[in-house]
């Protein structure tokens, strides 16, 4: 069985394609969205909702937003153990895999996983590694806006449409321009900012709050609590012009108020960053706003009225938003999985994609080495392109081919993908060097270098971050002692984590009530009677929810 997965910065989702279409798979809590949060409790691994609750009560044992570290050497330390971003992502993927296997009643071994369009080679390979660590064969990585466009494109009613998809998630922003015609969806341009998302808008209002309230040196618990309240405030502004929440920290207590006008002022620099990739994608697609038929918003952060209004203004077209924009990418990934599996319901659909970054080599110039593009960004893939160069001097016996990815003339501003040497027979004159790049639909780059007609070297260029089988085995071994709770235990852990969070936040009589409810639930757990545990869990969960809503 093959599934589609949206591995998000803040939320993840999994879906499967059947003859009835893309079907979202619920987690143990009955939710389609699983928070991309991991917490370690002894040798027990908590993923999703229970881990999210522990961001306040156990911040040193809990982590999130690790997708932003993907492809780097940075690690996260939990309970004195270091975890790489791909190991943490693997924990989320493994939890989704268990949810899918329970829902489908059969093993799930293959997956199509979404990535931001502007992920570089290292980030893409580490995402594949995360899938492997979770027990998946990763059939393909699909760009997030492409997945979103795929979901929407199947619903297009007219014969031909030019569509812009703006995907603003928790941690990344992607733009995709596509043309849909007669069962063919052609992605004509992509652009994005992989460090811009809903979390940055949240950071902006938290920074504003701390500045206006004079809050400094907050404890990790207070920081996590302020962030949770800030998210609540931001969500309120989606439906109301003005919002407020009561803040009760160990350091200060106050009413936090915010209206849409102030929110717009605070986030003005972020909106400028949001506009740049849109302009770039439209320019690369050679389209004017007047030529667009639809502007589609996807991703949870796209629900902010500020974003919807700006997108409509910039593109001169009313921006449409799905009823569940945060689930569109997961559905699109499942559709791609269905195409990969050749599902009969998709037999007339053809999807083309583009290379998101320019690929090229380092060449010697008058003022030092510079970047020479071979495949330009937004070239339709699969593709094969060749450039010709010459050796530096007569009698040269070897060249070094250095492969880069990026948009700058300066090599230092681009991302190094790899290098290899080509040896050949020297001649009295400078020789012609042919460099061919072949880039396939799965993002695999093959580079061929030949000198004259005598020598040809062909390699699959791999990121310097590529791990050996021994290193992969070592990371699997590190994950082995950590066990993810089965469904019932996840529900129990979530209730306890929520109760502990509320106990830490509240005071007086309300805190005593939470303590009493937790004792009742702990007593039920001690009975080891599934029926009693389920009944008490439901009662305690309802009680905690009612207290939080007051």
Protein backbone atom coordinates (compact mmCIF):
# COMPACT_ATOMS: atom_id res chain seq x y z
CA UNK A 1 0.00 0.00 0.00
CA UNK A 2 1.28 3.46 -0.94
CA UNK A 3 0.21 6.64 0.87
CA UNK A 4 0.69 10.38 0.49
CA UNK A 5 2.14 12.39 3.37
CA UNK A 6 2.33 16.10 4.07
CA UNK A 7 5.29 16.32 6.45
CA UNK A 8 4.68 19.84 7.74
CA UNK A 9 6.66 22.20 9.93
CA UNK A 10 3.87 22.52 12.50
CA UNK A 11 1.26 19.92 11.41
CA UNK A 12 1.45 16.72 9.36
CA UNK A 13 -1.19 14.62 7.63
CA UNK A 14 -1.49 11.35 5.74
CA UNK A 15 -3.88 10.30 2.99
CA UNK A 16 -4.51 7.38 0.64
CA UNK A 17 -5.97 7.35 -2.87
CA UNK A 18 -8.78 4.95 -3.69
CA UNK A 19 -11.40 4.77 -6.42
CA UNK A 20 -13.42 7.17 -4.27
CA UNK A 21 -10.62 9.77 -4.33
CA UNK A 22 -8.07 11.01 -1.80
CA UNK A 23 -9.09 9.82 1.67
CA UNK A 24 -7.59 11.48 4.73
CA UNK A 25 -6.54 9.14 7.53
CA UNK A 26 -7.33 10.11 11.14
CA UNK A 27 -4.86 9.69 13.97
CA UNK A 28 -5.53 8.08 17.35
CA UNK A 29 -7.43 11.19 18.47
CA UNK A 30 -9.71 11.20 15.43
CA UNK A 31 -7.93 14.25 13.96
CA UNK A 32 -6.62 14.52 10.42
CA UNK A 33 -3.79 16.80 11.54
CA UNK A 34 -0.97 15.53 13.76
CA UNK A 35 1.19 18.22 15.39
CA UNK A 36 4.82 17.85 14.28
CA UNK A 37 5.98 17.75 17.87
CA UNK A 38 8.10 15.11 19.62
CA UNK A 39 8.57 14.56 23.36
CA UNK A 40 10.61 11.92 25.17
CA UNK A 41 9.42 10.46 28.47
CA UNK A 42 11.97 7.87 29.62
CA UNK A 43 12.05 5.24 26.88
CA UNK A 44 8.60 6.29 25.66
CA UNK A 45 8.12 8.48 22.63
CA UNK A 46 5.22 10.91 22.47
CA UNK A 47 4.31 12.32 19.08
CA UNK A 48 1.63 14.80 18.10
CA UNK A 49 -1.04 16.02 20.48
CA UNK A 50 0.34 14.64 23.78
CA UNK A 51 3.80 15.93 22.88
CA UNK A 52 2.35 19.34 22.03
CA UNK A 53 0.80 19.58 25.49
CA UNK A 54 4.25 18.97 27.01
CA UNK A 55 5.80 22.01 25.30
CA UNK A 56 4.78 23.98 28.39
CA UNK A 57 5.24 21.42 31.16
CA UNK A 58 8.39 19.65 29.83
CA UNK A 59 10.10 22.07 27.39
CA UNK A 60 13.52 20.44 27.85
CA UNK A 61 12.12 17.07 26.77
CA UNK A 62 10.00 18.37 23.89
CA UNK A 63 10.80 19.87 20.50
CA UNK A 64 9.03 21.23 17.42
CA UNK A 65 9.81 23.22 14.25
CA UNK A 66 12.65 20.79 13.49
CA UNK A 67 11.71 20.67 9.81
CA UNK A 68 13.43 24.05 9.51
CA UNK A 69 16.70 22.34 10.49
CA UNK A 70 16.43 19.65 7.82
CA UNK A 71 19.59 19.29 5.77
CA UNK A 72 21.81 20.98 8.37
CA UNK A 73 24.27 19.60 10.90
CA UNK A 74 22.26 20.97 13.84
CA UNK A 75 20.83 18.57 16.41
CA UNK A 76 18.26 18.69 19.19
CA UNK A 77 19.07 17.32 22.64
CA UNK A 78 16.25 15.56 24.51
CA UNK A 79 17.00 13.83 27.80
CA UNK A 80 20.77 14.04 27.14
CA UNK A 81 20.46 12.36 23.74
CA UNK A 82 21.12 14.22 20.47
CA UNK A 83 18.65 13.79 17.62
CA UNK A 84 19.09 15.00 14.05
CA UNK A 85 16.17 16.71 12.24
CA UNK A 86 15.63 13.65 10.05
CA UNK A 87 15.45 11.38 13.11
CA UNK A 88 12.80 13.63 14.67
CA UNK A 89 10.90 13.77 11.38
CA UNK A 90 11.11 9.98 11.21
CA UNK A 91 9.32 9.80 14.57
CA UNK A 92 6.43 11.83 13.16
CA UNK A 93 6.36 9.73 10.00
CA UNK A 94 6.38 6.50 12.00
CA UNK A 95 3.41 7.69 14.04
CA UNK A 96 1.54 8.51 10.81
CA UNK A 97 2.47 5.08 9.45
CA UNK A 98 0.95 3.37 12.50
CA UNK A 99 -2.23 5.43 12.14
CA UNK A 100 -2.50 4.43 8.48
CA UNK A 101 -1.93 0.73 9.14
CA UNK A 102 -4.59 0.70 11.84
CA UNK A 103 -7.04 2.58 9.59
CA UNK A 104 -6.39 0.49 6.47
CA UNK A 105 -5.91 -2.85 8.21
CA UNK A 106 -2.81 -3.72 6.21
CA UNK A 107 0.91 -2.89 6.15
CA UNK A 108 1.90 0.45 4.62
CA UNK A 109 5.38 0.32 3.11
CA UNK A 110 5.55 3.02 0.43
CA UNK A 111 4.96 6.77 0.51
CA UNK A 112 5.01 9.96 -1.51
CA UNK A 113 6.16 12.76 0.82
CA UNK A 114 5.72 16.47 0.18
CA UNK A 115 8.52 19.01 0.53
CA UNK A 116 8.68 22.79 0.07
CA UNK A 117 9.45 23.65 -3.55
CA UNK A 118 12.51 25.56 -2.47
CA UNK A 119 14.06 22.72 -0.46
CA UNK A 120 17.64 22.22 -1.63
CA UNK A 121 19.27 18.91 -2.48
CA UNK A 122 20.42 18.17 1.09
CA UNK A 123 16.99 18.90 2.52
CA UNK A 124 15.31 16.64 -0.01
CA UNK A 125 17.71 13.78 0.64
CA UNK A 126 17.31 14.10 4.40
CA UNK A 127 13.53 14.00 3.96
CA UNK A 128 13.94 10.74 2.03
CA UNK A 129 16.18 9.46 4.81
CA UNK A 130 13.52 10.35 7.40
CA UNK A 131 11.08 8.23 5.43
CA UNK A 132 13.53 5.34 5.33
CA UNK A 133 14.14 5.58 9.09
CA UNK A 134 10.37 5.42 9.60
CA UNK A 135 10.10 2.21 7.56
CA UNK A 136 8.91 3.67 4.24
CA UNK A 137 10.17 3.18 0.74
CA UNK A 138 9.88 6.80 -0.43
CA UNK A 139 8.54 6.48 -3.97
CA UNK A 140 8.78 10.18 -4.66
CA UNK A 141 9.10 13.62 -3.14
CA UNK A 142 6.50 16.05 -4.44
CA UNK A 143 6.71 19.82 -4.13
CA UNK A 144 4.06 21.13 -1.74
CA UNK A 145 2.51 23.67 -4.14
CA UNK A 146 2.52 21.02 -6.86
CA UNK A 147 0.59 18.69 -4.54
CA UNK A 148 -1.82 21.50 -3.74
CA UNK A 149 -2.19 22.32 -7.42
CA UNK A 150 -2.82 18.65 -8.16
CA UNK A 151 -5.69 18.61 -5.65
CA UNK A 152 -7.22 21.72 -7.11
CA UNK A 153 -6.42 20.97 -10.75
CA UNK A 154 -8.55 17.84 -10.77
CA UNK A 155 -11.52 19.99 -9.79
CA UNK A 156 -11.11 22.60 -12.52
CA UNK A 157 -14.27 22.76 -14.61
CA UNK A 158 -13.17 24.79 -17.62
CA UNK A 159 -11.04 23.51 -20.49
CA UNK A 160 -8.02 25.71 -19.80
CA UNK A 161 -7.09 27.79 -16.77
CA UNK A 162 -4.07 29.68 -15.48
CA UNK A 163 -3.87 29.20 -11.73
CA UNK A 164 -1.59 30.49 -9.00
CA UNK A 165 -1.37 28.42 -5.83
CA UNK A 166 -0.04 30.19 -2.73
CA UNK A 167 0.90 27.71 0.00
CA UNK A 168 1.59 29.38 3.34
CA UNK A 169 2.11 26.76 6.02
CA UNK A 170 3.50 26.91 9.51
CA UNK A 171 7.12 27.22 8.42
CA UNK A 172 7.39 27.67 4.65
CA UNK A 173 5.86 29.67 1.81
CA UNK A 174 5.65 28.32 -1.73
CA UNK A 175 4.19 29.67 -4.95
CA UNK A 176 3.24 27.56 -7.95
CA UNK A 177 1.92 28.79 -11.29
CA UNK A 178 0.20 26.16 -13.40
CA UNK A 179 -1.78 25.72 -16.55
CA UNK A 180 -4.57 23.13 -16.54
CA UNK A 181 -5.84 21.87 -19.88
CA UNK A 182 -7.55 18.68 -21.05
CA UNK A 183 -6.32 16.44 -18.24
CA UNK A 184 -2.79 17.87 -18.34
CA UNK A 185 -1.50 20.00 -15.51
CA UNK A 186 1.70 21.83 -16.37
CA UNK A 187 3.58 23.56 -13.58
CA UNK A 188 5.15 26.55 -15.33
CA UNK A 189 6.96 28.22 -12.41
CA UNK A 190 7.66 27.85 -8.71
CA UNK A 191 9.20 30.13 -6.13
CA UNK A 192 9.17 30.42 -2.36
CA UNK A 193 10.72 31.24 0.98
CA UNK A 194 11.51 28.20 3.11
CA UNK A 195 11.97 30.31 6.24
CA UNK A 196 8.61 32.11 6.10
CA UNK A 197 5.38 30.76 7.58
CA UNK A 198 2.70 31.17 10.20
CA UNK A 199 5.28 30.73 12.97
CA UNK A 200 7.01 33.92 11.83
CA UNK A 201 3.76 35.90 12.10
CA UNK A 202 3.37 34.43 15.58
CA UNK A 203 6.95 35.42 16.45
CA UNK A 204 6.21 38.98 15.35
CA UNK A 205 3.22 39.46 17.64
CA UNK A 206 4.98 37.78 20.58
CA UNK A 207 7.97 40.08 20.14
CA UNK A 208 5.58 43.07 20.02
CA UNK A 209 3.84 41.86 23.20
CA UNK A 210 7.11 41.38 25.07
CA UNK A 211 8.29 44.84 24.02
CA UNK A 212 5.08 46.64 25.01
CA UNK A 213 4.74 44.74 28.30
CA UNK A 214 8.43 44.96 29.19
CA UNK A 215 8.76 41.17 29.44
CA UNK A 216 12.36 39.96 29.67
CA UNK A 217 14.09 36.81 30.86
CA UNK A 218 10.97 34.65 30.69
CA UNK A 219 11.31 31.04 31.84
CA UNK A 220 10.97 28.32 29.18
CA UNK A 221 7.54 27.45 30.61
CA UNK A 222 6.38 31.08 30.40
CA UNK A 223 7.74 31.40 26.86
CA UNK A 224 5.83 28.29 25.78
CA UNK A 225 2.66 29.52 27.51
CA UNK A 226 2.92 32.97 25.87
CA UNK A 227 3.40 31.29 22.50
CA UNK A 228 0.29 29.17 23.01
CA UNK A 229 -1.78 32.22 23.94
CA UNK A 230 -0.33 34.14 20.99
CA UNK A 231 -1.48 31.39 18.64
CA UNK A 232 -4.94 31.58 20.21
CA UNK A 233 -4.97 35.37 19.69
CA UNK A 234 -3.84 35.04 16.07
CA UNK A 235 -6.58 32.53 15.36
CA UNK A 236 -9.21 34.82 16.91
CA UNK A 237 -8.18 37.57 14.49
CA UNK A 238 -9.13 35.29 11.60
CA UNK A 239 -12.81 35.73 12.52
CA UNK A 240 -12.83 38.98 14.53
CA UNK A 241 -11.46 42.49 14.03
CA UNK A 242 -10.22 42.64 17.61
CA UNK A 243 -9.16 39.86 19.97
CA UNK A 244 -7.92 39.49 23.53
CA UNK A 245 -6.63 36.79 25.88
CA UNK A 246 -5.80 36.78 29.58
CA UNK A 247 -2.13 36.18 30.28
CA UNK A 248 -1.10 34.80 33.67
CA UNK A 249 2.62 34.13 33.75
CA UNK A 250 4.87 33.71 36.74
CA UNK A 251 6.52 36.97 35.69
CA UNK A 252 3.39 39.06 34.91
CA UNK A 253 -0.39 39.05 34.46
CA UNK A 254 -2.20 41.23 31.91
CA UNK A 255 -4.85 41.33 29.19
CA UNK A 256 -3.26 40.91 25.77
CA UNK A 257 -5.27 42.81 23.14
CA UNK A 258 -4.67 43.04 19.42
CA UNK A 259 -6.66 44.24 16.40
CA UNK A 260 -6.21 43.62 12.70
CA UNK A 261 -4.77 47.07 12.00
CA UNK A 262 -2.02 46.65 14.60
CA UNK A 263 -1.42 43.08 13.42
CA UNK A 264 -0.97 44.40 9.87
CA UNK A 265 1.56 46.99 11.02
CA UNK A 266 3.52 44.44 13.04
CA UNK A 267 3.67 42.00 10.13
CA UNK A 268 4.46 44.53 7.35
CA UNK A 269 8.05 43.23 6.84
CA UNK A 270 6.74 39.67 6.56
CA UNK A 271 4.19 40.71 3.95
CA UNK A 272 7.00 42.26 1.88
CA UNK A 273 8.81 38.93 2.02
CA UNK A 274 5.57 37.20 1.01
CA UNK A 275 5.21 39.35 -2.08
CA UNK A 276 8.68 38.75 -3.54
CA UNK A 277 8.28 35.03 -4.44
CA UNK A 278 4.88 35.77 -5.99
CA UNK A 279 6.41 38.40 -8.25
CA UNK A 280 9.28 36.06 -9.12
CA UNK A 281 7.00 33.16 -10.06
CA UNK A 282 4.73 35.35 -12.19
CA UNK A 283 7.76 36.80 -14.00
CA UNK A 284 9.24 33.33 -14.63
CA UNK A 285 5.87 32.09 -15.93
CA UNK A 286 5.64 35.17 -18.21
CA UNK A 287 2.14 35.90 -16.98
CA UNK A 288 0.37 39.13 -16.09
CA UNK A 289 -2.17 39.23 -13.27
CA UNK A 290 -4.90 39.91 -15.83
CA UNK A 291 -4.20 36.52 -17.43
CA UNK A 292 -4.94 34.56 -14.23
CA UNK A 293 -8.19 32.63 -13.86
CA UNK A 294 -7.77 31.62 -10.21
CA UNK A 295 -5.71 32.45 -7.14
CA UNK A 296 -5.88 29.58 -4.65
CA UNK A 297 -4.71 29.76 -1.04
CA UNK A 298 -3.64 26.62 0.82
CA UNK A 299 -1.85 25.98 4.10
CA UNK A 300 -3.15 26.77 7.57
CA UNK A 301 -1.57 30.27 7.75
CA UNK A 302 -3.26 31.29 4.50
CA UNK A 303 -6.50 31.67 6.46
CA UNK A 304 -5.29 34.97 7.92
CA UNK A 305 -7.44 37.77 6.42
CA UNK A 306 -4.28 39.86 6.03
CA UNK A 307 -2.81 37.28 3.64
CA UNK A 308 -6.01 36.72 1.70
CA UNK A 309 -6.59 40.45 1.21
CA UNK A 310 -3.00 41.11 0.11
CA UNK A 311 -2.97 38.17 -2.33
CA UNK A 312 -6.21 39.38 -3.92
CA UNK A 313 -4.81 42.89 -4.25
CA UNK A 314 -1.42 41.86 -5.63
CA UNK A 315 -2.84 39.47 -8.22
CA UNK A 316 -6.01 41.36 -9.10
CA UNK A 317 -8.13 38.27 -8.52
CA UNK A 318 -10.25 37.23 -5.55
CA UNK A 319 -8.21 34.65 -3.64
CA UNK A 320 -10.08 31.40 -3.07
CA UNK A 321 -9.48 29.29 -0.02
CA UNK A 322 -10.35 25.65 0.57
CA UNK A 323 -12.60 24.72 3.49
CA UNK A 324 -9.59 22.88 4.99
CA UNK A 325 -6.53 24.55 3.40
CA UNK A 326 -4.14 22.79 5.79
CA UNK A 327 -5.15 19.38 4.33
CA UNK A 328 -4.86 20.16 0.62
CA UNK A 329 -1.20 19.13 0.33
CA UNK A 330 -1.82 15.74 1.96
CA UNK A 331 -4.63 15.05 -0.49
CA UNK A 332 -2.41 16.05 -3.39
CA UNK A 333 0.37 13.76 -2.17
CA UNK A 334 -2.16 10.91 -2.11
CA UNK A 335 -3.21 11.75 -5.68
CA UNK A 336 0.44 11.58 -6.72
CA UNK A 337 0.70 8.24 -4.91
CA UNK A 338 -2.33 7.10 -6.90
CA UNK A 339 -0.65 8.19 -10.13
CA UNK A 340 2.47 6.31 -9.09
CA UNK A 341 0.35 3.21 -8.43
CA UNK A 342 -1.52 3.81 -11.71
CA UNK A 343 -4.90 3.99 -10.08
CA UNK A 344 -7.60 3.63 -12.75
CA UNK A 345 -9.48 6.68 -11.47
CA UNK A 346 -6.49 8.81 -12.53
CA UNK A 347 -5.71 7.24 -15.88
CA UNK A 348 -6.39 10.44 -17.87
CA UNK A 349 -4.36 12.79 -15.64
CA UNK A 350 -0.89 13.95 -16.64
CA UNK A 351 1.23 16.13 -14.35
CA UNK A 352 4.41 17.95 -15.29
CA UNK A 353 6.72 19.61 -12.78
CA UNK A 354 9.68 21.97 -12.89
CA UNK A 355 13.17 22.17 -11.48
CA UNK A 356 12.85 24.63 -8.56
CA UNK A 357 16.48 25.84 -8.54
CA UNK A 358 19.07 26.62 -11.19
CA UNK A 359 21.73 23.88 -11.51
CA UNK A 360 25.20 24.55 -12.85
CA UNK A 361 28.97 24.29 -12.47
CA UNK A 362 31.88 26.41 -11.29
CA UNK A 363 34.00 27.91 -14.10
CA UNK A 364 37.11 30.05 -14.05
CA UNK A 365 36.56 33.68 -14.94
CA UNK A 366 38.72 36.76 -15.28
CA UNK A 367 37.98 37.74 -11.69
CA UNK A 368 37.89 34.29 -10.11
CA UNK A 369 35.54 31.32 -10.20
CA UNK A 370 31.88 31.97 -10.94
CA UNK A 371 28.62 30.06 -11.36
CA UNK A 372 27.64 28.91 -14.86
CA UNK A 373 24.00 27.67 -15.17
CA UNK A 374 23.29 24.50 -17.11
CA UNK A 375 19.60 23.90 -16.20
CA UNK A 376 17.72 27.10 -15.38
CA UNK A 377 15.14 27.19 -12.61
CA UNK A 378 11.54 26.40 -13.65
CA UNK A 379 12.69 24.20 -16.54
CA UNK A 380 10.12 21.45 -17.10
CA UNK A 381 11.41 18.09 -15.89
CA UNK A 382 12.57 15.51 -16.80
CA UNK A 383 15.17 17.39 -18.81
CA UNK A 384 18.69 17.05 -20.17
CA UNK A 385 20.86 20.08 -21.03
CA UNK A 386 24.48 20.45 -22.13
CA UNK A 387 26.96 23.32 -22.04
CA UNK A 388 30.42 23.42 -23.60
CA UNK A 389 33.52 24.88 -21.95
CA UNK A 390 37.26 24.65 -22.55
CA UNK A 391 40.20 23.54 -20.45
CA UNK A 392 42.17 26.33 -18.74
CA UNK A 393 45.51 25.79 -20.49
CA UNK A 394 47.30 23.59 -23.08
CA UNK A 395 48.66 20.34 -21.71
CA UNK A 396 46.00 20.09 -18.99
CA UNK A 397 45.45 16.48 -17.83
CA UNK A 398 42.57 16.79 -15.34
CA UNK A 399 39.55 18.94 -14.55
CA UNK A 400 37.44 19.18 -11.42
CA UNK A 401 33.70 19.41 -12.03
CA UNK A 402 32.04 21.26 -9.14
CA UNK A 403 28.23 21.15 -9.19
CA UNK A 404 26.15 23.89 -7.55
CA UNK A 405 22.51 24.81 -7.03
CA UNK A 406 21.35 28.41 -6.69
CA UNK A 407 20.64 31.73 -8.39
CA UNK A 408 23.75 33.82 -7.67
CA UNK A 409 26.80 34.49 -9.86
CA UNK A 410 28.89 34.10 -6.72
CA UNK A 411 29.62 30.48 -5.86
CA UNK A 412 29.69 31.23 -2.13
CA UNK A 413 26.01 32.23 -2.27
CA UNK A 414 24.94 28.94 -3.86
CA UNK A 415 24.66 25.41 -2.47
CA UNK A 416 27.39 22.90 -3.32
CA UNK A 417 25.93 19.58 -4.48
CA UNK A 418 29.15 17.69 -5.09
CA UNK A 419 32.26 17.39 -7.23
CA UNK A 420 34.25 14.83 -9.22
CA UNK A 421 37.47 14.74 -11.25
CA UNK A 422 37.90 13.84 -14.93
CA UNK A 423 41.32 12.74 -16.22
CA UNK A 424 42.25 12.74 -19.90
CA UNK A 425 45.21 12.69 -22.29
CA UNK A 426 46.94 16.08 -22.55
CA UNK A 427 47.23 17.99 -25.85
CA UNK A 428 49.20 20.98 -27.02
CA UNK A 429 46.07 23.10 -27.27
CA UNK A 430 43.14 23.78 -24.95
CA UNK A 431 40.44 21.12 -25.25
CA UNK A 432 36.66 21.26 -25.42
CA UNK A 433 34.78 20.13 -22.29
CA UNK A 434 31.12 19.09 -22.55
CA UNK A 435 29.02 19.07 -19.38
CA UNK A 436 25.56 17.47 -19.55
CA UNK A 437 23.02 17.64 -16.71
CA UNK A 438 20.07 15.23 -16.66
CA UNK A 439 17.41 15.91 -14.02
CA UNK A 440 14.47 13.54 -13.55
CA UNK A 441 11.00 13.85 -12.05
CA UNK A 442 12.18 12.52 -8.69
CA UNK A 443 14.87 15.19 -8.35
CA UNK A 444 17.79 12.89 -9.17
CA UNK A 445 20.61 14.72 -10.94
CA UNK A 446 23.03 12.96 -13.28
CA UNK A 447 26.10 14.86 -14.50
CA UNK A 448 28.21 13.72 -17.46
CA UNK A 449 31.55 15.33 -18.35
CA UNK A 450 33.48 14.54 -21.54
CA UNK A 451 36.69 15.99 -22.95
CA UNK A 452 36.99 15.83 -26.71
CA UNK A 453 35.74 12.47 -27.94
CA UNK A 454 37.93 10.31 -25.76
CA UNK A 455 36.79 10.51 -22.16
CA UNK A 456 33.39 10.55 -20.50
CA UNK A 457 32.62 10.45 -16.80
CA UNK A 458 29.04 10.05 -15.64
CA UNK A 459 28.04 10.31 -11.98
CA UNK A 460 24.90 10.63 -9.92
CA UNK A 461 25.58 13.77 -7.94
CA UNK A 462 24.79 13.31 -4.28
CA UNK A 463 24.75 15.89 -1.53
CA UNK A 464 27.65 16.01 0.89
CA UNK A 465 25.00 15.23 3.50
CA UNK A 466 24.37 11.75 2.01
CA UNK A 467 24.81 9.10 4.66
CA UNK A 468 26.41 5.69 4.35
CA UNK A 469 24.48 2.53 5.14
CA UNK A 470 26.50 2.23 8.36
CA UNK A 471 25.48 5.74 9.44
CA UNK A 472 21.83 5.01 8.61
CA UNK A 473 22.01 1.80 10.65
CA UNK A 474 23.48 3.78 13.55
CA UNK A 475 20.54 6.21 13.49
CA UNK A 476 18.05 3.36 13.31
CA UNK A 477 19.73 1.83 16.34
CA UNK A 478 19.39 5.12 18.24
CA UNK A 479 15.66 5.21 17.49
CA UNK A 480 15.04 1.55 18.35
CA UNK A 481 14.73 1.92 22.16
CA UNK A 482 12.05 4.60 21.77
CA UNK A 483 8.57 3.12 21.49
CA UNK A 484 5.51 4.95 20.21
CA UNK A 485 2.40 4.24 22.26
CA UNK A 486 -0.38 2.24 20.60
CA UNK A 487 -3.64 4.08 20.00
CA UNK A 488 -5.27 3.71 23.45
CA UNK A 489 -2.09 4.64 25.27
CA UNK A 490 -1.67 7.72 23.07
CA UNK A 491 -5.14 8.87 24.11
CA UNK A 492 -4.28 8.29 27.76
CA UNK A 493 -0.97 10.14 27.44
CA UNK A 494 -2.71 13.06 25.77
CA UNK A 495 -5.23 13.45 28.61
CA UNK A 496 -2.48 13.32 31.26
CA UNK A 497 -0.30 15.79 29.35
CA UNK A 498 -3.20 18.20 28.95
CA UNK A 499 -4.07 17.92 32.63
CA UNK A 500 -0.48 18.60 33.63
CA UNK A 501 -0.38 21.65 31.37
CA UNK A 502 -3.57 23.09 32.84
CA UNK A 503 -2.34 22.34 36.36
CA UNK A 504 0.83 24.33 35.62
CA UNK A 505 -1.14 27.25 34.17
CA UNK A 506 -3.95 27.53 36.74
CA UNK A 507 -4.05 28.43 40.43
CA UNK A 508 -6.22 27.95 43.48
CA UNK A 509 -9.50 26.05 43.25
CA UNK A 510 -9.19 25.38 39.51
CA UNK A 511 -5.77 23.79 40.02
CA UNK A 512 -7.22 21.57 42.78
CA UNK A 513 -9.99 20.42 40.44
CA UNK A 514 -7.44 19.44 37.77
CA UNK A 515 -5.42 17.55 40.37
CA UNK A 516 -8.51 15.63 41.48
CA UNK A 517 -9.44 14.70 37.90
CA UNK A 518 -5.91 13.46 37.20
CA UNK A 519 -5.99 11.33 40.35
CA UNK A 520 -9.26 9.77 39.20
CA UNK A 521 -7.76 8.98 35.82
CA UNK A 522 -4.55 7.57 37.31
CA UNK A 523 -6.70 5.33 39.51
CA UNK A 524 -8.59 4.12 36.43
CA UNK A 525 -5.30 3.39 34.66
CA UNK A 526 -4.13 1.38 37.67
CA UNK A 527 -7.22 -0.85 37.36
CA UNK A 528 -5.98 -1.98 33.90
CA UNK A 529 -9.63 -2.45 32.92
CA UNK A 530 -10.06 -1.08 29.35
CA UNK A 531 -13.75 -0.27 29.84
CA UNK A 532 -13.17 1.67 33.06
CA UNK A 533 -10.19 3.50 31.53
CA UNK A 534 -12.21 4.51 28.47
CA UNK A 535 -15.16 5.76 30.56
CA UNK A 536 -13.01 7.79 32.96
CA UNK A 537 -10.83 9.09 30.14
CA UNK A 538 -13.89 10.47 28.38
CA UNK A 539 -15.20 12.13 31.56
CA UNK A 540 -11.85 13.65 32.50
CA UNK A 541 -11.24 14.82 28.94
CA UNK A 542 -14.63 16.57 28.87
CA UNK A 543 -13.93 18.17 32.25
CA UNK A 544 -10.54 19.48 31.13
CA UNK A 545 -12.04 20.84 27.91
CA UNK A 546 -14.81 22.65 29.80
CA UNK A 547 -12.27 24.22 32.16
CA UNK A 548 -10.11 25.40 29.28
CA UNK A 549 -13.10 26.96 27.49
CA UNK A 550 -14.12 29.06 30.48
